[in-house]
């Protein structure tokens, strides 16, 4: 059994996901916050603005931008600071 360290909280767990089962729920909440913000507003100029307006940490947003689900958002930022 291979153990990983959760990139969100640091606990050890065994799964294929980059986050532990407890943090998967938090990730879904953060994804929904980003989606809700983007549905009701224009795409912000950069990841820092998205973090500020959505309430999701910049570290989490940068991690989401590397996923297929949010990769198109990365291209729409005018001045992305990863």
Protein backbone atom coordinates (compact mmCIF):
# COMPACT_ATOMS: atom_id res chain seq x y z
CA UNK A 1 0.00 0.00 0.00
CA UNK A 2 1.44 3.37 -1.05
CA UNK A 3 0.77 6.33 1.19
CA UNK A 4 0.60 9.90 -0.07
CA UNK A 5 0.65 13.21 1.69
CA UNK A 6 -2.44 15.33 1.11
CA UNK A 7 -1.40 18.49 -0.72
CA UNK A 8 -4.12 20.39 1.07
CA UNK A 9 -3.81 19.36 4.75
CA UNK A 10 -0.65 17.27 4.93
CA UNK A 11 -2.18 14.08 6.35
CA UNK A 12 -1.15 10.65 5.09
CA UNK A 13 -3.66 8.62 3.08
CA UNK A 14 -3.90 5.93 0.44
CA UNK A 15 -5.67 6.90 -2.80
CA UNK A 16 -5.05 7.98 -6.37
CA UNK A 17 -6.33 11.48 -5.63
CA UNK A 18 -3.90 14.28 -4.73
CA UNK A 19 -6.04 15.13 -1.67
CA UNK A 20 -7.29 13.00 1.19
CA UNK A 21 -10.95 11.98 1.42
CA UNK A 22 -11.65 14.74 3.97
CA UNK A 23 -10.22 17.40 1.67
CA UNK A 24 -12.05 16.13 -1.41
CA UNK A 25 -15.22 17.66 0.02
CA UNK A 26 -13.40 20.95 0.58
CA UNK A 27 -12.11 20.85 -3.01
CA UNK A 28 -15.65 20.40 -4.31
CA UNK A 29 -16.84 23.36 -2.26
CA UNK A 30 -13.99 25.49 -3.64
CA UNK A 31 -14.70 24.37 -7.22
CA UNK A 32 -18.36 25.29 -6.76
CA UNK A 33 -17.35 28.71 -5.39
CA UNK A 34 -15.21 29.35 -8.46
CA UNK A 35 -17.93 28.13 -10.84
CA UNK A 36 -20.55 30.28 -9.09
CA UNK A 37 -18.33 33.35 -9.30
CA UNK A 38 -17.58 32.78 -12.99
CA UNK A 39 -21.26 32.23 -13.83
CA UNK A 40 -22.19 35.59 -12.34
CA UNK A 41 -19.14 37.67 -13.29
CA UNK A 42 -16.60 38.24 -16.03
CA UNK A 43 -13.37 36.25 -15.93
CA UNK A 44 -10.93 38.25 -13.78
CA UNK A 45 -7.59 39.40 -15.14
CA UNK A 46 -5.51 36.99 -13.07
CA UNK A 47 -5.55 34.18 -10.54
CA UNK A 48 -5.05 36.60 -7.63
CA UNK A 49 -8.26 38.42 -8.52
CA UNK A 50 -10.16 35.16 -8.85
CA UNK A 51 -8.86 34.14 -5.44
CA UNK A 52 -9.93 37.43 -3.88
CA UNK A 53 -13.41 37.48 -5.39
CA UNK A 54 -14.22 33.76 -5.03
CA UNK A 55 -12.74 33.31 -1.56
CA UNK A 56 -10.66 30.33 -2.70
CA UNK A 57 -6.96 30.34 -1.84
CA UNK A 58 -4.49 31.15 -4.60
CA UNK A 59 -2.65 27.88 -3.92
CA UNK A 60 -5.87 25.93 -4.53
CA UNK A 61 -6.74 27.92 -7.66
CA UNK A 62 -3.28 27.29 -9.11
CA UNK A 63 -3.70 23.57 -8.42
CA UNK A 64 -7.12 23.58 -10.10
CA UNK A 65 -5.71 25.40 -13.15
CA UNK A 66 -3.50 22.37 -13.80
CA UNK A 67 -6.55 20.11 -14.10
CA UNK A 68 -8.47 19.47 -17.29
CA UNK A 69 -11.63 20.95 -15.77
CA UNK A 70 -10.14 24.43 -15.30
CA UNK A 71 -7.32 24.45 -17.88
CA UNK A 72 -9.29 26.64 -20.32
CA UNK A 73 -9.61 29.28 -17.61
CA UNK A 74 -5.83 29.54 -17.45
CA UNK A 75 -5.72 30.70 -21.07
CA UNK A 76 -8.28 33.44 -20.46
CA UNK A 77 -6.21 35.21 -17.79
CA UNK A 78 -4.42 38.26 -19.16
CA UNK A 79 -1.72 38.29 -16.52
CA UNK A 80 -1.50 34.97 -14.78
CA UNK A 81 0.95 34.62 -11.93
CA UNK A 82 1.45 31.00 -11.00
